[in-house]
Amino acid sequence: MQTLSPSFRIVSFLPSATELIYELEAQEKLFGVTHECNYPNDASSKPRVIESVFEPENMSSQEIDDQICSLSERGEDIYKLVTQNVINAKPDLIISQEICEVCSAYTNQVKNAIKILDEKPEIYSMSPHDVQGILKCVKDIAEKIDKVQRGIEIVNSLNSRINKIKNVQISNKPKVLGIEWIKPFFTSGHWVPEMIEFSGGINMITKTGEHSRKMNIEEIENTDPDVLILMPCGFDVQRTVSEYDKYLRNDTRWNQLRAVKNKKVFAVDANSFFSKPSIRIVKGIEILAKILHPEIFTDLEVPNSSFLKI
């Protein structure tokens, strides 16, 4: 473990890394974040080094998908560097990711940053595909920024919360399908299937570690899950409900599904607790446990705005 210079400087290319830097109590070393880094609130005050080339905030899932496909077909990036802010940041460490080129700044932005910096920083790329992979990133980054003890405390606390849920013996486990995008349908991938299993559900269609992919209504019909969890990547509950009203509420085939008939369809705050390789996915596990087995997990506390039965 190295002892860092007091002047050590960090740039984060993804929101989950920014959240972690704050949790590790190293925010004074953070000199650049992305346009999506708004948690905790203070992160919004940091200089932006990454911007989106379009504004998805007021777009539907179909419009966002069309825009991303169009950019991809033209060989254009979804994100762009804010060059001067990168130069001003003078980073010793850039934290990036290799999970999804849609979700956060990806390889091209890292390469471009290295090109414009006279002093070449160390690059750490987060690439977790399951819950323990996320916790390993906590340890790795804690070590790189001389916060080993704080990292151990965070990981131990998170594992304790996970074990409190997954070690409960549950005999009646519902079939659960997480849906990561609504128009078109995408499966939930990476760590989400494991989150469902930990919280007392039987995950359907995908497996832990697999990438999210397109799926059709036939796959959902064939699975006919007991519970449907809508978690569009980057959306909160309110925005997810809006998507549901626009595309699914009056869809005949959708309304024939067992979960819909039994009023077991839930919207969750995916942006905060599911989409990102963030330590807040542990709160996501607690939210799922509360949804699937409220009679068992009566003592779990989750934010009021974290989920809604549709």
C-alpha atoms as a PDB file:
ATOM      1  CA  MET A   1       0.000   0.000   0.000  1.00  0.00           C
ATOM      2  CA  GLN A   2       1.339   3.398  -0.969  1.00  0.00           C
ATOM      3  CA  THR A   3       1.104   6.595   1.071  1.00  0.00           C
ATOM      4  CA  LEU A   4      -0.393   9.207  -1.203  1.00  0.00           C
ATOM      5  CA  SER A   5       0.837  12.715  -1.666  1.00  0.00           C
ATOM      6  CA  PRO A   6      -1.531  15.309  -0.153  1.00  0.00           C
ATOM      7  CA  SER A   7      -1.868  16.673  -3.683  1.00  0.00           C
ATOM      8  CA  PHE A   8      -3.085  13.343  -5.170  1.00  0.00           C
ATOM      9  CA  ARG A   9      -5.887  14.023  -7.657  1.00  0.00           C
ATOM     10  CA  ILE A  10      -8.710  11.749  -8.868  1.00  0.00           C
ATOM     11  CA  VAL A  11     -11.070  11.971 -11.843  1.00  0.00           C
ATOM     12  CA  SER A  12     -14.168   9.772 -11.982  1.00  0.00           C
ATOM     13  CA  PHE A  13     -15.686   8.698 -15.291  1.00  0.00           C
ATOM     14  CA  LEU A  14     -18.727   7.017 -13.727  1.00  0.00           C
ATOM     15  CA  PRO A  15     -21.261   7.828 -10.996  1.00  0.00           C
ATOM     16  CA  SER A  16     -20.692   4.679  -8.927  1.00  0.00           C
ATOM     17  CA  ALA A  17     -16.995   5.552  -8.570  1.00  0.00           C
ATOM     18  CA  THR A  18     -17.908   9.089  -7.530  1.00  0.00           C
ATOM     19  CA  GLU A  19     -20.292   7.743  -4.878  1.00  0.00           C
ATOM     20  CA  LEU A  20     -17.554   5.455  -3.601  1.00  0.00           C
ATOM     21  CA  ILE A  21     -14.958   8.230  -3.370  1.00  0.00           C
ATOM     22  CA  TYR A  22     -17.358  10.124  -1.101  1.00  0.00           C
ATOM     23  CA  GLU A  23     -18.070   7.003   0.961  1.00  0.00           C
ATOM     24  CA  LEU A  24     -14.318   6.504   1.350  1.00  0.00           C
ATOM     25  CA  GLU A  25     -14.138  10.102   2.616  1.00  0.00           C
ATOM     26  CA  ALA A  26     -11.718  11.151  -0.132  1.00  0.00           C
ATOM     27  CA  GLN A  27     -13.873  13.721  -1.921  1.00  0.00           C
ATOM     28  CA  GLU A  28     -11.269  16.449  -1.395  1.00  0.00           C
ATOM     29  CA  LYS A  29      -9.080  14.544  -3.859  1.00  0.00           C
ATOM     30  CA  LEU A  30     -11.824  14.410  -6.513  1.00  0.00           C
ATOM     31  CA  PHE A  31     -11.276  16.994  -9.263  1.00  0.00           C
ATOM     32  CA  GLY A  32     -13.539  15.781 -12.061  1.00  0.00           C
ATOM     33  CA  VAL A  33     -16.837  13.905 -12.446  1.00  0.00           C
ATOM     34  CA  THR A  34     -19.433  13.176 -15.132  1.00  0.00           C
ATOM     35  CA  HIS A  35     -22.702  14.933 -15.944  1.00  0.00           C
ATOM     36  CA  GLU A  36     -24.497  12.014 -14.246  1.00  0.00           C
ATOM     37  CA  CYS A  37     -22.643  12.294 -10.937  1.00  0.00           C
ATOM     38  CA  ASN A  38     -25.272  13.825  -8.667  1.00  0.00           C
ATOM     39  CA  TYR A  39     -25.033  11.630  -5.576  1.00  0.00           C
ATOM     40  CA  PRO A  40     -24.280  12.742  -2.988  1.00  0.00           C
ATOM     41  CA  ASN A  41     -25.485  16.247  -3.764  1.00  0.00           C
ATOM     42  CA  ASP A  42     -22.040  17.759  -3.372  1.00  0.00           C
ATOM     43  CA  ALA A  43     -20.807  15.751  -6.370  1.00  0.00           C
ATOM     44  CA  SER A  44     -22.811  18.062  -8.642  1.00  0.00           C
ATOM     45  CA  SER A  45     -20.504  20.921  -7.651  1.00  0.00           C
ATOM     46  CA  LYS A  46     -17.391  19.182  -8.990  1.00  0.00           C
ATOM     47  CA  PRO A  47     -16.079  20.092 -12.487  1.00  0.00           C
ATOM     48  CA  ARG A  48     -17.573  17.959 -15.244  1.00  0.00           C
ATOM     49  CA  VAL A  49     -15.105  16.073 -17.401  1.00  0.00           C
ATOM     50  CA  ILE A  50     -17.706  14.011 -19.304  1.00  0.00           C
ATOM     51  CA  GLU A  51     -20.893  15.114 -21.047  1.00  0.00           C
ATOM     52  CA  SER A  52     -23.512  13.267 -23.087  1.00  0.00           C
ATOM     53  CA  VAL A  53     -23.803  14.188 -26.766  1.00  0.00           C
ATOM     54  CA  PHE A  54     -27.597  14.230 -26.394  1.00  0.00           C
ATOM     55  CA  GLU A  55     -30.032  14.969 -23.573  1.00  0.00           C
ATOM     56  CA  PRO A  56     -31.974  11.839 -22.569  1.00  0.00           C
ATOM     57  CA  GLU A  57     -33.679  13.282 -19.496  1.00  0.00           C
ATOM     58  CA  ASN A  58     -36.956  14.091 -21.249  1.00  0.00           C
ATOM     59  CA  MET A  59     -36.877  11.269 -23.792  1.00  0.00           C
ATOM     60  CA  SER A  60     -38.815   8.002 -23.724  1.00  0.00           C
ATOM     61  CA  SER A  61     -37.063   4.632 -23.681  1.00  0.00           C
ATOM     62  CA  GLN A  62     -37.890   4.206 -27.382  1.00  0.00           C
ATOM     63  CA  GLU A  63     -36.449   7.623 -28.256  1.00  0.00           C
ATOM     64  CA  ILE A  64     -33.283   6.945 -26.257  1.00  0.00           C
ATOM     65  CA  ASP A  65     -32.841   3.544 -27.910  1.00  0.00           C
ATOM     66  CA  ASP A  66     -33.327   5.076 -31.364  1.00  0.00           C
ATOM     67  CA  GLN A  67     -30.772   7.801 -30.604  1.00  0.00           C
ATOM     68  CA  ILE A  68     -28.158   5.357 -29.322  1.00  0.00           C
ATOM     69  CA  CYS A  69     -28.663   3.017 -32.286  1.00  0.00           C
ATOM     70  CA  SER A  70     -28.307   5.949 -34.677  1.00  0.00           C
ATOM     71  CA  LEU A  71     -25.052   7.095 -33.056  1.00  0.00           C
ATOM     72  CA  SER A  72     -23.722   3.543 -33.073  1.00  0.00           C
ATOM     73  CA  GLU A  73     -24.558   3.045 -36.753  1.00  0.00           C
ATOM     74  CA  ARG A  74     -22.624   6.228 -37.585  1.00  0.00           C
ATOM     75  CA  GLY A  75     -19.684   5.135 -35.448  1.00  0.00           C
ATOM     76  CA  GLU A  76     -20.112   8.094 -33.102  1.00  0.00           C
ATOM     77  CA  ASP A  77     -19.643   8.182 -29.331  1.00  0.00           C
ATOM     78  CA  ILE A  78     -22.455   8.706 -26.832  1.00  0.00           C
ATOM     79  CA  TYR A  79     -20.167  10.687 -24.542  1.00  0.00           C
ATOM     80  CA  LYS A  80     -17.601  13.427 -25.038  1.00  0.00           C
ATOM     81  CA  LEU A  81     -14.737  14.810 -22.984  1.00  0.00           C
ATOM     82  CA  VAL A  82     -14.847  18.323 -21.583  1.00  0.00           C
ATOM     83  CA  THR A  83     -11.240  18.783 -22.631  1.00  0.00           C
ATOM     84  CA  GLN A  84     -10.276  21.844 -20.621  1.00  0.00           C
ATOM     85  CA  ASN A  85     -11.715  20.442 -17.407  1.00  0.00           C
ATOM     86  CA  VAL A  86      -9.738  17.230 -17.892  1.00  0.00           C
ATOM     87  CA  ILE A  87      -6.549  19.249 -18.373  1.00  0.00           C
ATOM     88  CA  ASN A  88      -7.324  21.418 -15.339  1.00  0.00           C
ATOM     89  CA  ALA A  89      -7.988  18.333 -13.198  1.00  0.00           C
ATOM     90  CA  LYS A  90      -4.404  17.061 -13.669  1.00  0.00           C
ATOM     91  CA  PRO A  91      -5.433  13.589 -12.487  1.00  0.00           C
ATOM     92  CA  ASP A  92      -3.070  11.059 -10.943  1.00  0.00           C
ATOM     93  CA  LEU A  93      -5.851   8.461 -11.177  1.00  0.00           C
ATOM     94  CA  ILE A  94      -8.785   8.092 -13.592  1.00  0.00           C
ATOM     95  CA  ILE A  95     -11.501   5.632 -12.598  1.00  0.00           C
ATOM     96  CA  SER A  96     -13.405   4.275 -15.589  1.00  0.00           C
ATOM     97  CA  GLN A  97     -15.459   1.185 -16.446  1.00  0.00           C
ATOM     98  CA  GLU A  98     -15.563  -1.681 -18.930  1.00  0.00           C
ATOM     99  CA  ILE A  99     -19.082  -2.939 -18.294  1.00  0.00           C
ATOM    100  CA  CYS A 100     -21.295  -1.090 -20.748  1.00  0.00           C
ATOM    101  CA  GLU A 101     -20.494   1.530 -23.370  1.00  0.00           C
ATOM    102  CA  VAL A 102     -24.036   2.908 -23.104  1.00  0.00           C
ATOM    103  CA  CYS A 103     -24.072   3.444 -19.333  1.00  0.00           C
ATOM    104  CA  SER A 104     -20.940   5.552 -18.792  1.00  0.00           C
ATOM    105  CA  ALA A 105     -17.883   6.897 -20.524  1.00  0.00           C
ATOM    106  CA  TYR A 106     -16.011   4.046 -22.107  1.00  0.00           C
ATOM    107  CA  THR A 107     -12.705   3.197 -23.774  1.00  0.00           C
ATOM    108  CA  ASN A 108     -12.594   6.058 -26.292  1.00  0.00           C
ATOM    109  CA  GLN A 109     -12.951   8.737 -23.638  1.00  0.00           C
ATOM    110  CA  VAL A 110     -10.139   7.193 -21.568  1.00  0.00           C
ATOM    111  CA  LYS A 111      -7.860   7.104 -24.611  1.00  0.00           C
ATOM    112  CA  ASN A 112      -8.709  10.709 -25.462  1.00  0.00           C
ATOM    113  CA  ALA A 113      -8.000  11.827 -21.900  1.00  0.00           C
ATOM    114  CA  ILE A 114      -4.593  10.168 -21.914  1.00  0.00           C
ATOM    115  CA  LYS A 115      -3.739  11.841 -25.228  1.00  0.00           C
ATOM    116  CA  ILE A 116      -4.351  15.368 -23.970  1.00  0.00           C
ATOM    117  CA  LEU A 117      -2.627  14.990 -20.577  1.00  0.00           C
ATOM    118  CA  ASP A 118       1.099  15.696 -20.354  1.00  0.00           C
ATOM    119  CA  GLU A 119       1.427  13.669 -17.158  1.00  0.00           C
ATOM    120  CA  LYS A 120      -0.113  10.264 -17.817  1.00  0.00           C
ATOM    121  CA  PRO A 121      -2.401   9.114 -14.976  1.00  0.00           C
ATOM    122  CA  GLU A 122      -2.990   5.614 -13.701  1.00  0.00           C
ATOM    123  CA  ILE A 123      -6.196   4.098 -15.083  1.00  0.00           C
ATOM    124  CA  TYR A 124      -8.412   1.847 -12.993  1.00  0.00           C
ATOM    125  CA  SER A 125     -11.342   0.310 -14.862  1.00  0.00           C
ATOM    126  CA  MET A 126     -14.226  -1.123 -12.887  1.00  0.00           C
ATOM    127  CA  SER A 127     -15.560  -4.282 -14.523  1.00  0.00           C
ATOM    128  CA  PRO A 128     -17.736  -6.135 -11.999  1.00  0.00           C
ATOM    129  CA  HIS A 129     -20.447  -8.520 -13.160  1.00  0.00           C
ATOM    130  CA  ASP A 130     -21.777  -9.671  -9.793  1.00  0.00           C
ATOM    131  CA  VAL A 131     -22.195  -8.404  -6.248  1.00  0.00           C
ATOM    132  CA  GLN A 132     -18.833  -9.628  -4.978  1.00  0.00           C
ATOM    133  CA  GLY A 133     -17.207  -8.049  -8.027  1.00  0.00           C
ATOM    134  CA  ILE A 134     -18.615  -4.694  -6.934  1.00  0.00           C
ATOM    135  CA  LEU A 135     -17.279  -5.194  -3.406  1.00  0.00           C
ATOM    136  CA  LYS A 136     -13.871  -6.116  -4.832  1.00  0.00           C
ATOM    137  CA  CYS A 137     -13.833  -2.771  -6.656  1.00  0.00           C
ATOM    138  CA  VAL A 138     -14.413  -1.074  -3.292  1.00  0.00           C
ATOM    139  CA  LYS A 139     -11.316  -2.791  -1.890  1.00  0.00           C
ATOM    140  CA  ASP A 140      -9.238  -2.077  -5.002  1.00  0.00           C
ATOM    141  CA  ILE A 141     -10.057   1.624  -5.112  1.00  0.00           C
ATOM    142  CA  ALA A 142      -9.654   1.986  -1.340  1.00  0.00           C
ATOM    143  CA  GLU A 143      -6.149   0.573  -1.654  1.00  0.00           C
ATOM    144  CA  LYS A 144      -5.264   2.853  -4.564  1.00  0.00           C
ATOM    145  CA  ILE A 145      -6.235   5.995  -2.678  1.00  0.00           C
ATOM    146  CA  ASP A 146      -4.785   4.995   0.705  1.00  0.00           C
ATOM    147  CA  LYS A 147      -8.153   4.331   2.373  1.00  0.00           C
ATOM    148  CA  VAL A 148      -7.709   0.620   3.080  1.00  0.00           C
ATOM    149  CA  GLN A 149      -9.221   0.571   6.569  1.00  0.00           C
ATOM    150  CA  ARG A 150     -12.242   2.593   5.508  1.00  0.00           C
ATOM    151  CA  GLY A 151     -12.695   0.232   2.533  1.00  0.00           C
ATOM    152  CA  ILE A 152     -12.648  -2.805   4.834  1.00  0.00           C
ATOM    153  CA  GLU A 153     -15.264  -1.201   7.075  1.00  0.00           C
ATOM    154  CA  ILE A 154     -17.550  -0.489   4.112  1.00  0.00           C
ATOM    155  CA  VAL A 155     -17.235  -4.000   2.658  1.00  0.00           C
ATOM    156  CA  ASN A 156     -17.794  -5.688   6.028  1.00  0.00           C
ATOM    157  CA  SER A 157     -20.910  -3.588   6.645  1.00  0.00           C
ATOM    158  CA  LEU A 158     -22.301  -4.337   3.176  1.00  0.00           C
ATOM    159  CA  ASN A 159     -21.635  -8.079   3.498  1.00  0.00           C
ATOM    160  CA  SER A 160     -23.379  -8.098   6.876  1.00  0.00           C
ATOM    161  CA  ARG A 161     -26.479  -6.500   5.351  1.00  0.00           C
ATOM    162  CA  ILE A 162     -26.428  -8.923   2.402  1.00  0.00           C
ATOM    163  CA  ASN A 163     -26.063 -11.977   4.646  1.00  0.00           C
ATOM    164  CA  LYS A 164     -28.911 -10.810   6.883  1.00  0.00           C
ATOM    165  CA  ILE A 165     -31.207 -11.232   3.881  1.00  0.00           C
ATOM    166  CA  LYS A 166     -29.791 -14.081   1.837  1.00  0.00           C
ATOM    167  CA  ASN A 167     -29.338 -16.397   4.852  1.00  0.00           C
ATOM    168  CA  VAL A 168     -33.039 -16.295   5.710  1.00  0.00           C
ATOM    169  CA  GLN A 169     -34.691 -19.623   4.903  1.00  0.00           C
ATOM    170  CA  ILE A 170     -37.579 -18.966   2.510  1.00  0.00           C
ATOM    171  CA  SER A 171     -39.696 -21.868   1.278  1.00  0.00           C
ATOM    172  CA  ASN A 172     -42.092 -20.039  -1.029  1.00  0.00           C
ATOM    173  CA  LYS A 173     -39.931 -18.269  -3.609  1.00  0.00           C
ATOM    174  CA  PRO A 174     -41.745 -16.482  -6.466  1.00  0.00           C
ATOM    175  CA  LYS A 175     -40.534 -16.489 -10.062  1.00  0.00           C
ATOM    176  CA  VAL A 176     -39.226 -12.978 -10.726  1.00  0.00           C
ATOM    177  CA  LEU A 177     -38.328 -11.214 -13.951  1.00  0.00           C
ATOM    178  CA  GLY A 178     -36.388  -7.961 -13.912  1.00  0.00           C
ATOM    179  CA  ILE A 179     -36.866  -5.796 -17.003  1.00  0.00           C
ATOM    180  CA  GLU A 180     -34.038  -3.325 -17.662  1.00  0.00           C
ATOM    181  CA  TRP A 181     -35.624  -1.496 -20.599  1.00  0.00           C
ATOM    182  CA  ILE A 182     -39.226  -1.187 -21.721  1.00  0.00           C
ATOM    183  CA  LYS A 183     -39.192  -0.145 -25.371  1.00  0.00           C
ATOM    184  CA  PRO A 184     -37.709  -2.416 -26.566  1.00  0.00           C
ATOM    185  CA  PHE A 185     -37.673  -4.972 -23.759  1.00  0.00           C
ATOM    186  CA  PHE A 186     -34.238  -5.767 -22.313  1.00  0.00           C
ATOM    187  CA  THR A 187     -33.407  -8.369 -19.700  1.00  0.00           C
ATOM    188  CA  SER A 188     -31.734  -7.351 -16.455  1.00  0.00           C
ATOM    189  CA  GLY A 189     -28.121  -8.479 -16.414  1.00  0.00           C
ATOM    190  CA  HIS A 190     -24.844  -8.536 -14.515  1.00  0.00           C
ATOM    191  CA  TRP A 191     -25.524  -8.370 -10.752  1.00  0.00           C
ATOM    192  CA  VAL A 192     -29.334  -7.997 -10.869  1.00  0.00           C
ATOM    193  CA  PRO A 193     -30.169 -11.748 -11.207  1.00  0.00           C
ATOM    194  CA  GLU A 194     -28.058 -12.360  -8.107  1.00  0.00           C
ATOM    195  CA  MET A 195     -29.806  -9.525  -6.267  1.00  0.00           C
ATOM    196  CA  ILE A 196     -33.138 -11.223  -7.011  1.00  0.00           C
ATOM    197  CA  GLU A 197     -31.855 -14.590  -5.777  1.00  0.00           C
ATOM    198  CA  PHE A 198     -30.419 -13.054  -2.580  1.00  0.00           C
ATOM    199  CA  SER A 199     -33.749 -11.408  -1.808  1.00  0.00           C
ATOM    200  CA  GLY A 200     -35.735 -14.634  -1.968  1.00  0.00           C
ATOM    201  CA  GLY A 201     -36.810 -14.819  -5.599  1.00  0.00           C
ATOM    202  CA  ILE A 202     -36.190 -17.242  -8.451  1.00  0.00           C
ATOM    203  CA  ASN A 203     -34.633 -15.184 -11.227  1.00  0.00           C
ATOM    204  CA  MET A 204     -35.971 -15.853 -14.719  1.00  0.00           C
ATOM    205  CA  ILE A 205     -34.403 -15.768 -18.210  1.00  0.00           C
ATOM    206  CA  THR A 206     -30.954 -14.345 -17.438  1.00  0.00           C
ATOM    207  CA  LYS A 207     -28.115 -15.548 -15.231  1.00  0.00           C
ATOM    208  CA  THR A 208     -25.768 -13.635 -12.950  1.00  0.00           C
ATOM    209  CA  GLY A 209     -22.871 -12.144 -14.892  1.00  0.00           C
ATOM    210  CA  GLU A 210     -24.606 -12.115 -18.260  1.00  0.00           C
ATOM    211  CA  HIS A 211     -24.961  -8.893 -20.218  1.00  0.00           C
ATOM    212  CA  SER A 212     -28.394  -7.375 -20.579  1.00  0.00           C
ATOM    213  CA  ARG A 213     -29.947  -8.184 -23.966  1.00  0.00           C
ATOM    214  CA  LYS A 214     -33.068  -7.605 -25.982  1.00  0.00           C
ATOM    215  CA  MET A 215     -35.995  -9.919 -25.375  1.00  0.00           C
ATOM    216  CA  ASN A 216     -39.471 -10.140 -26.827  1.00  0.00           C
ATOM    217  CA  ILE A 217     -42.915 -10.493 -25.322  1.00  0.00           C
ATOM    218  CA  GLU A 218     -42.941 -14.198 -26.225  1.00  0.00           C
ATOM    219  CA  GLU A 219     -40.067 -14.859 -23.821  1.00  0.00           C
ATOM    220  CA  ILE A 220     -41.921 -13.070 -21.056  1.00  0.00           C
ATOM    221  CA  GLU A 221     -45.130 -14.984 -21.844  1.00  0.00           C
ATOM    222  CA  ASN A 222     -43.293 -18.323 -21.836  1.00  0.00           C
ATOM    223  CA  THR A 223     -41.718 -17.537 -18.468  1.00  0.00           C
ATOM    224  CA  ASP A 224     -44.959 -16.038 -17.092  1.00  0.00           C
ATOM    225  CA  PRO A 225     -43.326 -14.825 -13.852  1.00  0.00           C
ATOM    226  CA  ASP A 226     -45.112 -14.354 -10.551  1.00  0.00           C
ATOM    227  CA  VAL A 227     -43.532 -10.914 -10.093  1.00  0.00           C
ATOM    228  CA  LEU A 228     -42.348  -8.329 -12.621  1.00  0.00           C
ATOM    229  CA  ILE A 229     -39.790  -5.712 -11.563  1.00  0.00           C
ATOM    230  CA  LEU A 230     -39.453  -2.767 -13.951  1.00  0.00           C
ATOM    231  CA  MET A 231     -36.004  -1.199 -13.650  1.00  0.00           C
ATOM    232  CA  PRO A 232     -35.173   0.800 -16.808  1.00  0.00           C
ATOM    233  CA  CYS A 233     -31.496   1.718 -16.696  1.00  0.00           C
ATOM    234  CA  GLY A 234     -31.026   5.208 -15.264  1.00  0.00           C
ATOM    235  CA  PHE A 235     -34.743   5.778 -14.518  1.00  0.00           C
ATOM    236  CA  ASP A 236     -36.341   6.554 -11.173  1.00  0.00           C
ATOM    237  CA  VAL A 237     -39.792   5.321 -10.089  1.00  0.00           C
ATOM    238  CA  GLN A 238     -41.770   8.247 -11.466  1.00  0.00           C
ATOM    239  CA  ARG A 239     -40.141   8.052 -14.878  1.00  0.00           C
ATOM    240  CA  THR A 240     -40.641   4.284 -14.983  1.00  0.00           C
ATOM    241  CA  VAL A 241     -44.349   4.646 -14.216  1.00  0.00           C
ATOM    242  CA  SER A 242     -44.599   7.194 -17.028  1.00  0.00           C
ATOM    243  CA  GLU A 243     -43.031   4.651 -19.406  1.00  0.00           C
ATOM    244  CA  TYR A 244     -45.435   1.991 -18.163  1.00  0.00           C
ATOM    245  CA  ASP A 245     -48.427   4.216 -18.817  1.00  0.00           C
ATOM    246  CA  LYS A 246     -47.176   5.044 -22.297  1.00  0.00           C
ATOM    247  CA  TYR A 247     -46.244   1.577 -23.530  1.00  0.00           C
ATOM    248  CA  LEU A 248     -47.650  -1.204 -21.341  1.00  0.00           C
ATOM    249  CA  ARG A 249     -50.731  -0.280 -19.318  1.00  0.00           C
ATOM    250  CA  ASN A 250     -53.123  -0.814 -22.252  1.00  0.00           C
ATOM    251  CA  ASP A 251     -51.138  -3.539 -24.040  1.00  0.00           C
ATOM    252  CA  THR A 252     -53.368  -6.605 -24.484  1.00  0.00           C
ATOM    253  CA  ARG A 253     -50.655  -9.260 -24.374  1.00  0.00           C
ATOM    254  CA  TRP A 254     -48.944  -7.651 -21.403  1.00  0.00           C
ATOM    255  CA  ASN A 255     -52.217  -7.584 -19.479  1.00  0.00           C
ATOM    256  CA  GLN A 256     -52.602 -11.343 -19.890  1.00  0.00           C
ATOM    257  CA  LEU A 257     -49.452 -12.037 -17.868  1.00  0.00           C
ATOM    258  CA  ARG A 258     -49.914 -13.702 -14.480  1.00  0.00           C
ATOM    259  CA  ALA A 259     -48.037 -10.971 -12.583  1.00  0.00           C
ATOM    260  CA  VAL A 260     -50.128  -8.234 -14.179  1.00  0.00           C
ATOM    261  CA  LYS A 261     -53.403  -9.990 -13.418  1.00  0.00           C
ATOM    262  CA  ASN A 262     -52.312 -10.547  -9.811  1.00  0.00           C
ATOM    263  CA  LYS A 263     -51.125  -6.954  -9.410  1.00  0.00           C
ATOM    264  CA  LYS A 264     -47.527  -8.007  -8.840  1.00  0.00           C
ATOM    265  CA  VAL A 265     -45.837  -5.433 -11.064  1.00  0.00           C
ATOM    266  CA  PHE A 266     -43.410  -3.032  -9.393  1.00  0.00           C
ATOM    267  CA  ALA A 267     -41.415  -0.020 -10.521  1.00  0.00           C
ATOM    268  CA  VAL A 268     -38.122   0.560  -8.696  1.00  0.00           C
ATOM    269  CA  ASP A 269     -35.617   3.397  -8.574  1.00  0.00           C
ATOM    270  CA  ALA A 270     -33.130   1.738 -10.908  1.00  0.00           C
ATOM    271  CA  ASN A 271     -30.935   4.814 -11.204  1.00  0.00           C
ATOM    272  CA  SER A 272     -30.169   4.831  -7.486  1.00  0.00           C
ATOM    273  CA  PHE A 273     -30.185   1.168  -6.521  1.00  0.00           C
ATOM    274  CA  PHE A 274     -29.904  -1.213  -9.489  1.00  0.00           C
ATOM    275  CA  SER A 275     -28.375   0.084 -12.730  1.00  0.00           C
ATOM    276  CA  LYS A 276     -24.885   1.017 -11.521  1.00  0.00           C
ATOM    277  CA  PRO A 277     -22.080  -1.058  -9.971  1.00  0.00           C
ATOM    278  CA  SER A 278     -22.531   1.011  -6.830  1.00  0.00           C
ATOM    279  CA  ILE A 279     -22.457   0.103  -3.153  1.00  0.00           C
ATOM    280  CA  ARG A 280     -26.109   1.185  -3.123  1.00  0.00           C
ATOM    281  CA  ILE A 281     -27.034  -2.095  -4.844  1.00  0.00           C
ATOM    282  CA  VAL A 282     -27.142  -3.513  -1.302  1.00  0.00           C
ATOM    283  CA  LYS A 283     -30.052  -1.181  -0.616  1.00  0.00           C
ATOM    284  CA  GLY A 284     -31.480  -2.561  -3.870  1.00  0.00           C
ATOM    285  CA  ILE A 285     -31.339  -6.073  -2.407  1.00  0.00           C
ATOM    286  CA  GLU A 286     -33.196  -4.795   0.653  1.00  0.00           C
ATOM    287  CA  ILE A 287     -35.815  -3.164  -1.590  1.00  0.00           C
ATOM    288  CA  LEU A 288     -36.348  -6.439  -3.466  1.00  0.00           C
ATOM    289  CA  ALA A 289     -36.668  -8.353  -0.205  1.00  0.00           C
ATOM    290  CA  LYS A 290     -39.290  -5.856   0.940  1.00  0.00           C
ATOM    291  CA  ILE A 291     -41.178  -6.282  -2.359  1.00  0.00           C
ATOM    292  CA  LEU A 292     -41.016 -10.086  -2.512  1.00  0.00           C
ATOM    293  CA  HIS A 293     -41.411 -10.959   1.173  1.00  0.00           C
ATOM    294  CA  PRO A 294     -42.797  -8.001   3.126  1.00  0.00           C
ATOM    295  CA  GLU A 295     -44.190 -10.350   5.779  1.00  0.00           C
ATOM    296  CA  ILE A 296     -40.673 -11.664   6.541  1.00  0.00           C
ATOM    297  CA  PHE A 297     -38.559  -8.540   6.240  1.00  0.00           C
ATOM    298  CA  THR A 298     -40.696  -6.263   8.370  1.00  0.00           C
ATOM    299  CA  ASP A 299     -37.696  -4.596   9.990  1.00  0.00           C
ATOM    300  CA  LEU A 300     -36.014  -3.511   6.764  1.00  0.00           C
ATOM    301  CA  GLU A 301     -36.081   0.220   6.153  1.00  0.00           C
ATOM    302  CA  VAL A 302     -36.109   1.420   2.545  1.00  0.00           C
ATOM    303  CA  PRO A 303     -36.752   4.889   1.083  1.00  0.00           C
ATOM    304  CA  ASN A 304     -40.425   5.636   0.398  1.00  0.00           C
ATOM    305  CA  SER A 305     -39.563   6.653  -3.158  1.00  0.00           C
ATOM    306  CA  SER A 306     -37.560   3.495  -3.916  1.00  0.00           C
ATOM    307  CA  PHE A 307     -40.408   1.360  -5.310  1.00  0.00           C
ATOM    308  CA  LEU A 308     -44.086   1.429  -6.194  1.00  0.00           C
ATOM    309  CA  LYS A 309     -46.652  -1.232  -6.998  1.00  0.00           C
ATOM    310  CA  ILE A 310     -48.163  -0.359 -10.374  1.00  0.00           C
END
